[in-house]
């Protein structure tokens, strides 16, 4: 009885390891892109809400201007009598869209809501 050779098994293991590393790298880059987009959205939402709070009469138009100036889309804006609520969104990053399409899914857009109002509410101590 002859012991079988293991020639070529290192190639199979190398290909498997490279595949796992590539997939892990793509997932890490996708998470990083989503985190970066979320930070950008959060900053843009805060700026838009602060701009709206500075001028309550034209708050939502100011918020839309600042959202557009920061390269994000305005989702919604409303004034509840004290605070301005602003929602902005961006489409998912390209790599996230591609990863989702590989899984047969659709990547959702990233949305962030921010609120801003006066430093002191009239009539409240």
PDB file of N, CA and C in Angstrom:
ATOM      1  N   UNK A   1       0.836  -1.169   0.000  1.00  0.00           N
ATOM      2  CA  UNK A   1       0.000   0.000   0.000  1.00  0.00           C
ATOM      3  C   UNK A   1       0.889   1.244   0.000  1.00  0.00           C
ATOM      4  N   UNK A   2       0.530   2.176  -0.826  1.00  0.00           N
ATOM      5  CA  UNK A   2       1.353   3.370  -0.997  1.00  0.00           C
ATOM      6  C   UNK A   2       0.661   4.595  -0.388  1.00  0.00           C
ATOM      7  N   UNK A   3       1.420   5.419   0.339  1.00  0.00           N
ATOM      8  CA  UNK A   3       0.854   6.633   0.926  1.00  0.00           C
ATOM      9  C   UNK A   3       0.681   7.662  -0.187  1.00  0.00           C
ATOM     10  N   UNK A   4      -0.498   8.312  -0.183  1.00  0.00           N
ATOM     11  CA  UNK A   4      -0.809   9.278  -1.252  1.00  0.00           C
ATOM     12  C   UNK A   4      -0.009  10.561  -1.082  1.00  0.00           C
ATOM     13  N   UNK A   5       0.329  11.125  -2.186  1.00  0.00           N
ATOM     14  CA  UNK A   5       1.034  12.410  -2.179  1.00  0.00           C
ATOM     15  C   UNK A   5       0.059  13.545  -1.897  1.00  0.00           C
ATOM     16  N   UNK A   6       0.557  14.585  -1.252  1.00  0.00           N
ATOM     17  CA  UNK A   6      -0.243  15.779  -1.007  1.00  0.00           C
ATOM     18  C   UNK A   6       0.175  16.905  -1.941  1.00  0.00           C
ATOM     19  N   UNK A   7       0.712  16.562  -3.066  1.00  0.00           N
ATOM     20  CA  UNK A   7       1.138  17.605  -3.995  1.00  0.00           C
ATOM     21  C   UNK A   7      -0.071  18.384  -4.494  1.00  0.00           C
ATOM     22  N   UNK A   8       0.064  19.715  -4.480  1.00  0.00           N
ATOM     23  CA  UNK A   8      -1.004  20.584  -4.974  1.00  0.00           C
ATOM     24  C   UNK A   8      -1.950  21.054  -3.887  1.00  0.00           C
ATOM     25  N   UNK A   9      -1.868  20.491  -2.679  1.00  0.00           N
ATOM     26  CA  UNK A   9      -2.793  20.907  -1.625  1.00  0.00           C
ATOM     27  C   UNK A   9      -2.479  22.322  -1.141  1.00  0.00           C
ATOM     28  N   UNK A  10      -1.236  22.739  -1.204  1.00  0.00           N
ATOM     29  CA  UNK A  10      -0.882  24.109  -0.798  1.00  0.00           C
ATOM     30  C   UNK A  10      -1.533  25.125  -1.725  1.00  0.00           C
ATOM     31  N   UNK A  11      -1.659  24.794  -2.980  1.00  0.00           N
ATOM     32  CA  UNK A  11      -2.315  25.695  -3.942  1.00  0.00           C
ATOM     33  C   UNK A  11      -3.777  25.880  -3.583  1.00  0.00           C
ATOM     34  N   UNK A  12      -4.442  24.806  -3.256  1.00  0.00           N
ATOM     35  CA  UNK A  12      -5.858  24.880  -2.884  1.00  0.00           C
ATOM     36  C   UNK A  12      -6.030  25.721  -1.623  1.00  0.00           C
ATOM     37  N   UNK A  13      -5.185  25.492  -0.618  1.00  0.00           N
ATOM     38  CA  UNK A  13      -5.268  26.271   0.613  1.00  0.00           C
ATOM     39  C   UNK A  13      -4.953  27.750   0.367  1.00  0.00           C
ATOM     40  N   UNK A  14      -4.012  28.033  -0.495  1.00  0.00           N
ATOM     41  CA  UNK A  14      -3.656  29.414  -0.817  1.00  0.00           C
ATOM     42  C   UNK A  14      -4.810  30.130  -1.501  1.00  0.00           C
ATOM     43  N   UNK A  15      -5.423  29.466  -2.456  1.00  0.00           N
ATOM     44  CA  UNK A  15      -6.573  30.068  -3.151  1.00  0.00           C
ATOM     45  C   UNK A  15      -7.718  30.312  -2.173  1.00  0.00           C
ATOM     46  N   UNK A  16      -7.963  29.369  -1.285  1.00  0.00           N
ATOM     47  CA  UNK A  16      -9.031  29.537  -0.297  1.00  0.00           C
ATOM     48  C   UNK A  16      -8.722  30.701   0.639  1.00  0.00           C
ATOM     49  N   UNK A  17      -7.486  30.788   1.097  1.00  0.00           N
ATOM     50  CA  UNK A  17      -7.098  31.870   2.004  1.00  0.00           C
ATOM     51  C   UNK A  17      -7.179  33.232   1.315  1.00  0.00           C
ATOM     52  N   UNK A  18      -6.728  33.314   0.089  1.00  0.00           N
ATOM     53  CA  UNK A  18      -6.808  34.579  -0.658  1.00  0.00           C
ATOM     54  C   UNK A  18      -8.261  34.996  -0.839  1.00  0.00           C
ATOM     55  N   UNK A  19      -9.142  34.044  -1.130  1.00  0.00           N
ATOM     56  CA  UNK A  19     -10.566  34.349  -1.292  1.00  0.00           C
ATOM     57  C   UNK A  19     -11.149  34.889   0.011  1.00  0.00           C
ATOM     58  N   UNK A  20     -10.843  34.253   1.123  1.00  0.00           N
ATOM     59  CA  UNK A  20     -11.336  34.724   2.425  1.00  0.00           C
ATOM     60  C   UNK A  20     -10.799  36.117   2.733  1.00  0.00           C
ATOM     61  N   UNK A  21      -9.530  36.365   2.462  1.00  0.00           N
ATOM     62  CA  UNK A  21      -8.948  37.690   2.719  1.00  0.00           C
ATOM     63  C   UNK A  21      -9.567  38.767   1.834  1.00  0.00           C
ATOM     64  N   UNK A  22      -9.831  38.444   0.577  1.00  0.00           N
ATOM     65  CA  UNK A  22     -10.472  39.419  -0.310  1.00  0.00           C
ATOM     66  C   UNK A  22     -11.882  39.757   0.152  1.00  0.00           C
ATOM     67  N   UNK A  23     -12.638  38.753   0.540  1.00  0.00           N
ATOM     68  CA  UNK A  23     -14.004  38.998   1.010  1.00  0.00           C
ATOM     69  C   UNK A  23     -13.977  39.817   2.294  1.00  0.00           C
ATOM     70  N   UNK A  24     -13.079  39.480   3.210  1.00  0.00           N
ATOM     71  CA  UNK A  24     -12.954  40.231   4.457  1.00  0.00           C
ATOM     72  C   UNK A  24     -12.545  41.681   4.183  1.00  0.00           C
ATOM     73  N   UNK A  25     -11.625  41.882   3.268  1.00  0.00           N
ATOM     74  CA  UNK A  25     -11.205  43.236   2.904  1.00  0.00           C
ATOM     75  C   UNK A  25     -12.334  44.042   2.303  1.00  0.00           C
ATOM     76  N   UNK A  26     -13.115  43.422   1.419  1.00  0.00           N
ATOM     77  CA  UNK A  26     -14.259  44.120   0.815  1.00  0.00           C
ATOM     78  C   UNK A  26     -15.300  44.484   1.870  1.00  0.00           C
ATOM     79  N   UNK A  27     -15.570  43.588   2.792  1.00  0.00           N
ATOM     80  CA  UNK A  27     -16.518  43.894   3.870  1.00  0.00           C
ATOM     81  C   UNK A  27     -16.004  45.027   4.750  1.00  0.00           C
ATOM     82  N   UNK A  28     -14.714  45.022   5.057  1.00  0.00           N
ATOM     83  CA  UNK A  28     -14.142  46.094   5.876  1.00  0.00           C
ATOM     84  C   UNK A  28     -14.226  47.440   5.150  1.00  0.00           C
ATOM     85  N   UNK A  29     -13.948  47.441   3.863  1.00  0.00           N
ATOM     86  CA  UNK A  29     -14.046  48.696   3.103  1.00  0.00           C
ATOM     87  C   UNK A  29     -15.492  49.172   3.020  1.00  0.00           C
ATOM     88  N   UNK A  30     -16.433  48.248   2.897  1.00  0.00           N
ATOM     89  CA  UNK A  30     -17.844  48.620   2.850  1.00  0.00           C
ATOM     90  C   UNK A  30     -18.272  49.261   4.163  1.00  0.00           C
ATOM     91  N   UNK A  31     -17.893  48.659   5.268  1.00  0.00           N
ATOM     92  CA  UNK A  31     -18.232  49.216   6.583  1.00  0.00           C
ATOM     93  C   UNK A  31     -17.588  50.591   6.753  1.00  0.00           C
ATOM     94  N   UNK A  32     -16.366  50.754   6.313  1.00  0.00           N
ATOM     95  CA  UNK A  32     -15.684  52.050   6.409  1.00  0.00           C
ATOM     96  C   UNK A  32     -16.386  53.103   5.562  1.00  0.00           C
ATOM     97  N   UNK A  33     -16.811  52.739   4.347  1.00  0.00           N
ATOM     98  CA  UNK A  33     -17.521  53.696   3.491  1.00  0.00           C
ATOM     99  C   UNK A  33     -18.851  54.107   4.111  1.00  0.00           C
ATOM    100  N   UNK A  34     -19.554  53.155   4.694  1.00  0.00           N
ATOM    101  CA  UNK A  34     -20.841  53.469   5.325  1.00  0.00           C
ATOM    102  C   UNK A  34     -20.629  54.366   6.541  1.00  0.00           C
ATOM    103  N   UNK A  35     -19.601  54.093   7.342  1.00  0.00           N
ATOM    104  CA  UNK A  35     -19.312  54.926   8.511  1.00  0.00           C
ATOM    105  C   UNK A  35     -18.940  56.351   8.093  1.00  0.00           C
ATOM    106  N   UNK A  36     -18.160  56.472   7.045  1.00  0.00           N
ATOM    107  CA  UNK A  36     -17.783  57.794   6.544  1.00  0.00           C
ATOM    108  C   UNK A  36     -18.998  58.559   6.028  1.00  0.00           C
ATOM    109  N   UNK A  37     -19.868  57.876   5.295  1.00  0.00           N
ATOM    110  CA  UNK A  37     -21.081  58.523   4.785  1.00  0.00           C
ATOM    111  C   UNK A  37     -21.990  58.942   5.936  1.00  0.00           C
ATOM    112  N   UNK A  38     -22.074  58.126   6.960  1.00  0.00           N
ATOM    113  CA  UNK A  38     -22.909  58.461   8.112  1.00  0.00           C
ATOM    114  C   UNK A  38     -22.361  59.685   8.849  1.00  0.00           C
ATOM    115  N   UNK A  39     -21.052  59.781   8.998  1.00  0.00           N
ATOM    116  CA  UNK A  39     -20.442  60.955   9.627  1.00  0.00           C
ATOM    117  C   UNK A  39     -20.725  62.210   8.807  1.00  0.00           C
ATOM    118  N   UNK A  40     -20.571  62.083   7.504  1.00  0.00           N
ATOM    119  CA  UNK A  40     -20.837  63.221   6.612  1.00  0.00           C
ATOM    120  C   UNK A  40     -22.296  63.650   6.721  1.00  0.00           C
ATOM    121  N   UNK A  41     -23.189  62.679   6.754  1.00  0.00           N
ATOM    122  CA  UNK A  41     -24.613  62.988   6.892  1.00  0.00           C
ATOM    123  C   UNK A  41     -24.930  63.638   8.226  1.00  0.00           C
ATOM    124  N   UNK A  42     -24.325  63.137   9.279  1.00  0.00           N
ATOM    125  CA  UNK A  42     -24.573  63.683  10.606  1.00  0.00           C
ATOM    126  C   UNK A  42     -24.141  65.147  10.683  1.00  0.00           C
ATOM    127  N   UNK A  43     -22.994  65.450  10.130  1.00  0.00           N
ATOM    128  CA  UNK A  43     -22.522  66.839  10.117  1.00  0.00           C
ATOM    129  C   UNK A  43     -23.438  67.725   9.284  1.00  0.00           C
ATOM    130  N   UNK A  44     -23.828  67.242   8.123  1.00  0.00           N
ATOM    131  CA  UNK A  44     -24.713  68.024   7.251  1.00  0.00           C
ATOM    132  C   UNK A  44     -26.076  68.239   7.899  1.00  0.00           C
ATOM    133  N   UNK A  45     -26.605  67.220   8.573  1.00  0.00           N
ATOM    134  CA  UNK A  45     -27.903  67.355   9.242  1.00  0.00           C
ATOM    135  C   UNK A  45     -27.827  68.365  10.377  1.00  0.00           C
ATOM    136  N   UNK A  46     -26.750  68.309  11.147  1.00  0.00           N
ATOM    137  CA  UNK A  46     -26.587  69.276  12.241  1.00  0.00           C
ATOM    138  C   UNK A  46     -26.488  70.707  11.714  1.00  0.00           C
ATOM    139  N   UNK A  47     -25.709  70.900  10.661  1.00  0.00           N
ATOM    140  CA  UNK A  47     -25.580  72.240  10.085  1.00  0.00           C
ATOM    141  C   UNK A  47     -26.908  72.744   9.528  1.00  0.00           C
ATOM    142  N   UNK A  48     -27.638  71.861   8.861  1.00  0.00           N
ATOM    143  CA  UNK A  48     -28.939  72.256   8.292  1.00  0.00           C
ATOM    144  C   UNK A  48     -29.928  72.598   9.400  1.00  0.00           C
ATOM    145  N   UNK A  49     -29.950  71.809  10.463  1.00  0.00           N
ATOM    146  CA  UNK A  49     -30.866  72.086  11.570  1.00  0.00           C
ATOM    147  C   UNK A  49     -30.503  73.392  12.271  1.00  0.00           C
ATOM    148  N   UNK A  50     -29.220  73.638  12.467  1.00  0.00           N
ATOM    149  CA  UNK A  50     -28.804  74.902  13.091  1.00  0.00           C
ATOM    150  C   UNK A  50     -29.153  76.097  12.214  1.00  0.00           C
ATOM    151  N   UNK A  51     -28.988  75.954  10.909  1.00  0.00           N
ATOM    152  CA  UNK A  51     -29.359  77.040  10.001  1.00  0.00           C
ATOM    153  C   UNK A  51     -30.861  77.297  10.057  1.00  0.00           C
ATOM    154  N   UNK A  52     -31.639  76.232  10.154  1.00  0.00           N
ATOM    155  CA  UNK A  52     -33.097  76.391  10.244  1.00  0.00           C
ATOM    156  C   UNK A  52     -33.486  77.063  11.557  1.00  0.00           C
ATOM    157  N   UNK A  53     -32.823  76.720  12.640  1.00  0.00           N
ATOM    158  CA  UNK A  53     -33.164  77.276  13.947  1.00  0.00           C
ATOM    159  C   UNK A  53     -32.804  78.755  14.053  1.00  0.00           C
ATOM    160  N   UNK A  54     -31.819  79.209  13.292  1.00  0.00           N
ATOM    161  CA  UNK A  54     -31.434  80.618  13.344  1.00  0.00           C
ATOM    162  C   UNK A  54     -32.465  81.526  12.705  1.00  0.00           C
ATOM    163  N   UNK A  55     -33.235  81.008  11.779  1.00  0.00           N
ATOM    164  CA  UNK A  55     -34.241  81.812  11.092  1.00  0.00           C
ATOM    165  C   UNK A  55     -35.539  81.006  10.992  1.00  0.00           C
ATOM    166  N   UNK A  56     -36.355  80.972  12.054  1.00  0.00           N
ATOM    167  CA  UNK A  56     -37.543  80.125  12.064  1.00  0.00           C
ATOM    168  C   UNK A  56     -38.537  80.420  10.941  1.00  0.00           C
ATOM    169  N   UNK A  57     -38.594  81.652  10.470  1.00  0.00           N
ATOM    170  CA  UNK A  57     -39.545  81.994   9.406  1.00  0.00           C
ATOM    171  C   UNK A  57     -39.194  81.299   8.090  1.00  0.00           C
ATOM    172  N   UNK A  58     -37.918  81.192   7.793  1.00  0.00           N
ATOM    173  CA  UNK A  58     -37.477  80.539   6.552  1.00  0.00           C
ATOM    174  C   UNK A  58     -36.638  79.302   6.861  1.00  0.00           C
ATOM    175  N   UNK A  59     -36.933  78.645   7.957  1.00  0.00           N
ATOM    176  CA  UNK A  59     -36.105  77.564   8.457  1.00  0.00           C
ATOM    177  C   UNK A  59     -35.883  76.425   7.480  1.00  0.00           C
ATOM    178  N   UNK A  60     -36.963  75.899   6.909  1.00  0.00           N
ATOM    179  CA  UNK A  60     -36.817  74.726   6.038  1.00  0.00           C
ATOM    180  C   UNK A  60     -36.109  75.066   4.732  1.00  0.00           C
ATOM    181  N   UNK A  61     -36.311  76.278   4.212  1.00  0.00           N
ATOM    182  CA  UNK A  61     -35.592  76.648   2.992  1.00  0.00           C
ATOM    183  C   UNK A  61     -34.099  76.831   3.289  1.00  0.00           C
ATOM    184  N   UNK A  62     -33.783  77.364   4.472  1.00  0.00           N
ATOM    185  CA  UNK A  62     -32.381  77.478   4.881  1.00  0.00           C
ATOM    186  C   UNK A  62     -31.761  76.092   5.068  1.00  0.00           C
ATOM    187  N   UNK A  63     -32.519  75.195   5.680  1.00  0.00           N
ATOM    188  CA  UNK A  63     -32.022  73.835   5.884  1.00  0.00           C
ATOM    189  C   UNK A  63     -31.765  73.145   4.548  1.00  0.00           C
ATOM    190  N   UNK A  64     -32.657  73.315   3.597  1.00  0.00           N
ATOM    191  CA  UNK A  64     -32.487  72.710   2.272  1.00  0.00           C
ATOM    192  C   UNK A  64     -31.254  73.278   1.576  1.00  0.00           C
ATOM    193  N   UNK A  65     -31.038  74.588   1.716  1.00  0.00           N
ATOM    194  CA  UNK A  65     -29.865  75.216   1.114  1.00  0.00           C
ATOM    195  C   UNK A  65     -28.585  74.622   1.694  1.00  0.00           C
ATOM    196  N   UNK A  66     -28.512  74.509   3.025  1.00  0.00           N
ATOM    197  CA  UNK A  66     -27.304  73.982   3.664  1.00  0.00           C
ATOM    198  C   UNK A  66     -27.113  72.491   3.382  1.00  0.00           C
ATOM    199  N   UNK A  67     -28.206  71.752   3.296  1.00  0.00           N
ATOM    200  CA  UNK A  67     -28.084  70.328   2.961  1.00  0.00           C
ATOM    201  C   UNK A  67     -27.518  70.175   1.553  1.00  0.00           C
ATOM    202  N   UNK A  68     -28.052  70.944   0.622  1.00  0.00           N
ATOM    203  CA  UNK A  68     -27.566  70.882  -0.759  1.00  0.00           C
ATOM    204  C   UNK A  68     -26.106  71.339  -0.850  1.00  0.00           C
ATOM    205  N   UNK A  69     -25.754  72.370  -0.090  1.00  0.00           N
ATOM    206  CA  UNK A  69     -24.373  72.870  -0.099  1.00  0.00           C
ATOM    207  C   UNK A  69     -23.392  71.824   0.438  1.00  0.00           C
ATOM    208  N   UNK A  70     -23.864  70.931   1.302  1.00  0.00           N
ATOM    209  CA  UNK A  70     -23.013  69.879   1.853  1.00  0.00           C
ATOM    210  C   UNK A  70     -23.092  68.586   1.048  1.00  0.00           C
ATOM    211  N   UNK A  71     -23.798  68.612  -0.066  1.00  0.00           N
ATOM    212  CA  UNK A  71     -23.826  67.463  -0.960  1.00  0.00           C
ATOM    213  C   UNK A  71     -24.717  66.315  -0.533  1.00  0.00           C
ATOM    214  N   UNK A  72     -25.730  66.605   0.291  1.00  0.00           N
ATOM    215  CA  UNK A  72     -26.664  65.565   0.707  1.00  0.00           C
ATOM    216  C   UNK A  72     -28.073  65.947   0.255  1.00  0.00           C
ATOM    217  N   UNK A  73     -28.959  64.981   0.279  1.00  0.00           N
ATOM    218  CA  UNK A  73     -30.349  65.223  -0.115  1.00  0.00           C
ATOM    219  C   UNK A  73     -31.195  65.519   1.119  1.00  0.00           C
ATOM    220  N   UNK A  74     -32.116  66.450   0.983  1.00  0.00           N
ATOM    221  CA  UNK A  74     -33.022  66.791   2.077  1.00  0.00           C
ATOM    222  C   UNK A  74     -34.188  65.808   2.060  1.00  0.00           C
ATOM    223  N   UNK A  75     -34.400  65.118   3.157  1.00  0.00           N
ATOM    224  CA  UNK A  75     -35.510  64.176   3.243  1.00  0.00           C
ATOM    225  C   UNK A  75     -36.775  64.881   3.689  1.00  0.00           C
ATOM    226  N   UNK A  76     -36.726  65.464   4.871  1.00  0.00           N
ATOM    227  CA  UNK A  76     -37.884  66.178   5.386  1.00  0.00           C
ATOM    228  C   UNK A  76     -37.412  67.264   6.348  1.00  0.00           C
ATOM    229  N   UNK A  77     -38.294  68.205   6.587  1.00  0.00           N
ATOM    230  CA  UNK A  77     -38.016  69.291   7.520  1.00  0.00           C
ATOM    231  C   UNK A  77     -39.344  69.748   8.091  1.00  0.00           C
ATOM    232  N   UNK A  78     -39.422  69.868   9.396  1.00  0.00           N
ATOM    233  CA  UNK A  78     -40.625  70.441   9.990  1.00  0.00           C
ATOM    234  C   UNK A  78     -40.286  71.181  11.280  1.00  0.00           C
ATOM    235  N   UNK A  79     -41.157  72.100  11.613  1.00  0.00           N
ATOM    236  CA  UNK A  79     -41.000  72.955  12.788  1.00  0.00           C
ATOM    237  C   UNK A  79     -42.132  72.602  13.743  1.00  0.00           C
ATOM    238  N   UNK A  80     -41.796  72.166  14.966  1.00  0.00           N
ATOM    239  CA  UNK A  80     -42.837  71.748  15.907  1.00  0.00           C
ATOM    240  C   UNK A  80     -43.236  72.850  16.884  1.00  0.00           C
ATOM    241  N   UNK A  81     -42.891  74.081  16.557  1.00  0.00           N
ATOM    242  CA  UNK A  81     -43.219  75.206  17.417  1.00  0.00           C
ATOM    243  C   UNK A  81     -42.039  75.654  18.260  1.00  0.00           C
ATOM    244  N   UNK A  82     -41.109  74.748  18.517  1.00  0.00           N
ATOM    245  CA  UNK A  82     -39.909  75.081  19.286  1.00  0.00           C
ATOM    246  C   UNK A  82     -38.665  74.693  18.510  1.00  0.00           C
ATOM    247  N   UNK A  83     -38.618  73.466  18.044  1.00  0.00           N
ATOM    248  CA  UNK A  83     -37.435  72.938  17.374  1.00  0.00           C
ATOM    249  C   UNK A  83     -37.687  72.681  15.900  1.00  0.00           C
ATOM    250  N   UNK A  84     -36.615  72.762  15.137  1.00  0.00           N
ATOM    251  CA  UNK A  84     -36.645  72.341  13.736  1.00  0.00           C
ATOM    252  C   UNK A  84     -36.092  70.921  13.659  1.00  0.00           C
ATOM    253  N   UNK A  85     -36.787  70.052  12.972  1.00  0.00           N
ATOM    254  CA  UNK A  85     -36.362  68.672  12.753  1.00  0.00           C
ATOM    255  C   UNK A  85     -35.994  68.538  11.292  1.00  0.00           C
ATOM    256  N   UNK A  86     -34.787  68.075  11.027  1.00  0.00           N
ATOM    257  CA  UNK A  86     -34.293  67.960   9.658  1.00  0.00           C
ATOM    258  C   UNK A  86     -33.822  66.528   9.430  1.00  0.00           C
ATOM    259  N   UNK A  87     -34.254  65.937   8.323  1.00  0.00           N
ATOM    260  CA  UNK A  87     -33.777  64.613   7.938  1.00  0.00           C
ATOM    261  C   UNK A  87     -33.076  64.737   6.591  1.00  0.00           C
ATOM    262  N   UNK A  88     -31.866  64.208   6.517  1.00  0.00           N
ATOM    263  CA  UNK A  88     -31.108  64.202   5.266  1.00  0.00           C
ATOM    264  C   UNK A  88     -30.731  62.761   4.936  1.00  0.00           C
ATOM    265  N   UNK A  89     -30.424  62.517   3.675  1.00  0.00           N
ATOM    266  CA  UNK A  89     -30.073  61.165   3.271  1.00  0.00           C
ATOM    267  C   UNK A  89     -29.090  61.179   2.111  1.00  0.00           C
ATOM    268  N   UNK A  90     -28.427  60.063   1.957  1.00  0.00           N
ATOM    269  CA  UNK A  90     -27.521  59.804   0.844  1.00  0.00           C
ATOM    270  C   UNK A  90     -27.781  58.392   0.345  1.00  0.00           C
ATOM    271  N   UNK A  91     -27.581  58.144  -0.939  1.00  0.00           N
ATOM    272  CA  UNK A  91     -27.642  56.751  -1.387  1.00  0.00           C
ATOM    273  C   UNK A  91     -26.479  55.968  -0.782  1.00  0.00           C
ATOM    274  N   UNK A  92     -26.649  54.673  -0.707  1.00  0.00           N
ATOM    275  CA  UNK A  92     -25.598  53.824  -0.157  1.00  0.00           C
ATOM    276  C   UNK A  92     -24.336  53.952  -1.010  1.00  0.00           C
ATOM    277  N   UNK A  93     -23.153  53.829  -0.395  1.00  0.00           N
ATOM    278  CA  UNK A  93     -21.909  53.877  -1.169  1.00  0.00           C
ATOM    279  C   UNK A  93     -21.879  52.771  -2.232  1.00  0.00           C
ATOM    280  N   UNK A  94     -21.113  53.012  -3.279  1.00  0.00           N
ATOM    281  CA  UNK A  94     -21.067  52.101  -4.424  1.00  0.00           C
ATOM    282  C   UNK A  94     -20.699  50.682  -4.026  1.00  0.00           C
ATOM    283  N   UNK A  95     -19.719  50.533  -3.178  1.00  0.00           N
ATOM    284  CA  UNK A  95     -19.301  49.189  -2.781  1.00  0.00           C
ATOM    285  C   UNK A  95     -20.403  48.475  -2.016  1.00  0.00           C
ATOM    286  N   UNK A  96     -21.154  49.200  -1.202  1.00  0.00           N
ATOM    287  CA  UNK A  96     -22.273  48.592  -0.477  1.00  0.00           C
ATOM    288  C   UNK A  96     -23.369  48.155  -1.440  1.00  0.00           C
ATOM    289  N   UNK A  97     -23.601  48.954  -2.482  1.00  0.00           N
ATOM    290  CA  UNK A  97     -24.602  48.589  -3.488  1.00  0.00           C
ATOM    291  C   UNK A  97     -24.180  47.313  -4.207  1.00  0.00           C
ATOM    292  N   UNK A  98     -22.910  47.235  -4.550  1.00  0.00           N
ATOM    293  CA  UNK A  98     -22.420  46.040  -5.254  1.00  0.00           C
ATOM    294  C   UNK A  98     -22.464  44.806  -4.363  1.00  0.00           C
ATOM    295  N   UNK A  99     -22.074  44.964  -3.105  1.00  0.00           N
ATOM    296  CA  UNK A  99     -22.127  43.819  -2.182  1.00  0.00           C
ATOM    297  C   UNK A  99     -23.569  43.357  -1.981  1.00  0.00           C
ATOM    298  N   UNK A 100     -24.491  44.298  -1.853  1.00  0.00           N
ATOM    299  CA  UNK A 100     -25.898  43.935  -1.675  1.00  0.00           C
ATOM    300  C   UNK A 100     -26.447  43.244  -2.921  1.00  0.00           C
ATOM    301  N   UNK A 101     -26.040  43.728  -4.105  1.00  0.00           N
ATOM    302  CA  UNK A 101     -26.538  43.098  -5.333  1.00  0.00           C
ATOM    303  C   UNK A 101     -26.011  41.672  -5.487  1.00  0.00           C
ATOM    304  N   UNK A 102     -24.814  41.403  -4.972  1.00  0.00           N
ATOM    305  CA  UNK A 102     -24.300  40.032  -4.990  1.00  0.00           C
ATOM    306  C   UNK A 102     -25.172  39.107  -4.141  1.00  0.00           C
ATOM    307  N   UNK A 103     -25.758  39.663  -3.090  1.00  0.00           N
ATOM    308  CA  UNK A 103     -26.632  38.890  -2.210  1.00  0.00           C
ATOM    309  C   UNK A 103     -28.083  38.913  -2.675  1.00  0.00           C
ATOM    310  N   UNK A 104     -28.333  39.602  -3.786  1.00  0.00           N
ATOM    311  CA  UNK A 104     -29.690  39.683  -4.308  1.00  0.00           C
ATOM    312  C   UNK A 104     -30.569  40.671  -3.568  1.00  0.00           C
ATOM    313  N   UNK A 105     -29.975  41.594  -2.865  1.00  0.00           N
ATOM    314  CA  UNK A 105     -30.708  42.597  -2.099  1.00  0.00           C
ATOM    315  C   UNK A 105     -30.474  43.975  -2.684  1.00  0.00           C
ATOM    316  N   UNK A 106     -31.224  44.939  -2.174  1.00  0.00           N
ATOM    317  CA  UNK A 106     -31.050  46.335  -2.572  1.00  0.00           C
ATOM    318  C   UNK A 106     -30.504  47.089  -1.364  1.00  0.00           C
ATOM    319  N   UNK A 107     -29.428  47.816  -1.568  1.00  0.00           N
ATOM    320  CA  UNK A 107     -28.821  48.570  -0.463  1.00  0.00           C
ATOM    321  C   UNK A 107     -29.689  49.784  -0.145  1.00  0.00           C
ATOM    322  N   UNK A 108     -30.089  49.935   1.122  1.00  0.00           N
ATOM    323  CA  UNK A 108     -30.927  51.088   1.481  1.00  0.00           C
ATOM    324  C   UNK A 108     -30.099  52.363   1.559  1.00  0.00           C
ATOM    325  N   UNK A 109     -30.782  53.494   1.407  1.00  0.00           N
ATOM    326  CA  UNK A 109     -30.045  54.742   1.575  1.00  0.00           C
ATOM    327  C   UNK A 109     -29.801  54.971   3.063  1.00  0.00           C
ATOM    328  N   UNK A 110     -28.841  55.834   3.343  1.00  0.00           N
ATOM    329  CA  UNK A 110     -28.469  56.142   4.725  1.00  0.00           C
ATOM    330  C   UNK A 110     -29.181  57.434   5.106  1.00  0.00           C
ATOM    331  N   UNK A 111     -29.908  57.406   6.225  1.00  0.00           N
ATOM    332  CA  UNK A 111     -30.681  58.569   6.667  1.00  0.00           C
ATOM    333  C   UNK A 111     -30.251  58.985   8.070  1.00  0.00           C
ATOM    334  N   UNK A 112     -30.243  60.305   8.295  1.00  0.00           N
ATOM    335  CA  UNK A 112     -29.902  60.858   9.608  1.00  0.00           C
ATOM    336  C   UNK A 112     -30.873  61.991   9.909  1.00  0.00           C
ATOM    337  N   UNK A 113     -31.333  62.051  11.159  1.00  0.00           N
ATOM    338  CA  UNK A 113     -32.231  63.117  11.604  1.00  0.00           C
ATOM    339  C   UNK A 113     -31.520  63.947  12.660  1.00  0.00           C
ATOM    340  N   UNK A 114     -31.742  65.252  12.584  1.00  0.00           N
ATOM    341  CA  UNK A 114     -31.148  66.157  13.568  1.00  0.00           C
ATOM    342  C   UNK A 114     -32.195  67.189  13.969  1.00  0.00           C
ATOM    343  N   UNK A 115     -32.033  67.727  15.165  1.00  0.00           N
ATOM    344  CA  UNK A 115     -32.971  68.738  15.630  1.00  0.00           C
ATOM    345  C   UNK A 115     -32.198  69.871  16.266  1.00  0.00           C
ATOM    346  N   UNK A 116     -32.723  71.073  16.106  1.00  0.00           N
ATOM    347  CA  UNK A 116     -32.103  72.253  16.720  1.00  0.00           C
ATOM    348  C   UNK A 116     -33.193  73.259  17.036  1.00  0.00           C
ATOM    349  N   UNK A 117     -32.982  73.998  18.089  1.00  0.00           N
ATOM    350  CA  UNK A 117     -33.943  75.008  18.498  1.00  0.00           C
ATOM    351  C   UNK A 117     -33.243  76.127  19.241  1.00  0.00           C
ATOM    352  N   UNK A 118     -34.025  77.004  19.821  1.00  0.00           N
ATOM    353  CA  UNK A 118     -33.435  78.139  20.544  1.00  0.00           C
ATOM    354  C   UNK A 118     -32.704  77.666  21.796  1.00  0.00           C
ATOM    355  N   UNK A 119     -31.783  78.487  22.258  1.00  0.00           N
ATOM    356  CA  UNK A 119     -31.026  78.142  23.461  1.00  0.00           C
ATOM    357  C   UNK A 119     -31.923  78.115  24.676  1.00  0.00           C
ATOM    358  N   UNK A 120     -32.914  79.001  24.716  1.00  0.00           N
ATOM    359  CA  UNK A 120     -33.867  79.037  25.825  1.00  0.00           C
ATOM    360  C   UNK A 120     -35.279  79.132  25.260  1.00  0.00           C
ATOM    361  N   UNK A 121     -36.149  78.293  25.735  1.00  0.00           N
ATOM    362  CA  UNK A 121     -37.545  78.306  25.281  1.00  0.00           C
ATOM    363  C   UNK A 121     -38.290  79.374  26.051  1.00  0.00           C
ATOM    364  N   UNK A 122     -38.988  80.277  25.349  1.00  0.00           N
ATOM    365  CA  UNK A 122     -39.730  81.332  26.040  1.00  0.00           C
ATOM    366  C   UNK A 122     -40.784  80.719  26.983  1.00  0.00           C
ATOM    367  N   UNK A 123     -40.825  81.213  28.218  1.00  0.00           N
ATOM    368  CA  UNK A 123     -41.824  80.768  29.188  1.00  0.00           C
ATOM    369  C   UNK A 123     -41.419  79.539  29.967  1.00  0.00           C
ATOM    370  N   UNK A 124     -40.275  78.950  29.664  1.00  0.00           N
ATOM    371  CA  UNK A 124     -39.801  77.776  30.412  1.00  0.00           C
ATOM    372  C   UNK A 124     -38.534  78.173  31.156  1.00  0.00           C
ATOM    373  N   UNK A 125     -38.523  78.008  32.493  1.00  0.00           N
ATOM    374  CA  UNK A 125     -37.319  78.423  33.252  1.00  0.00           C
ATOM    375  C   UNK A 125     -36.141  77.533  33.023  1.00  0.00           C
TER     376      UNK A 125
END
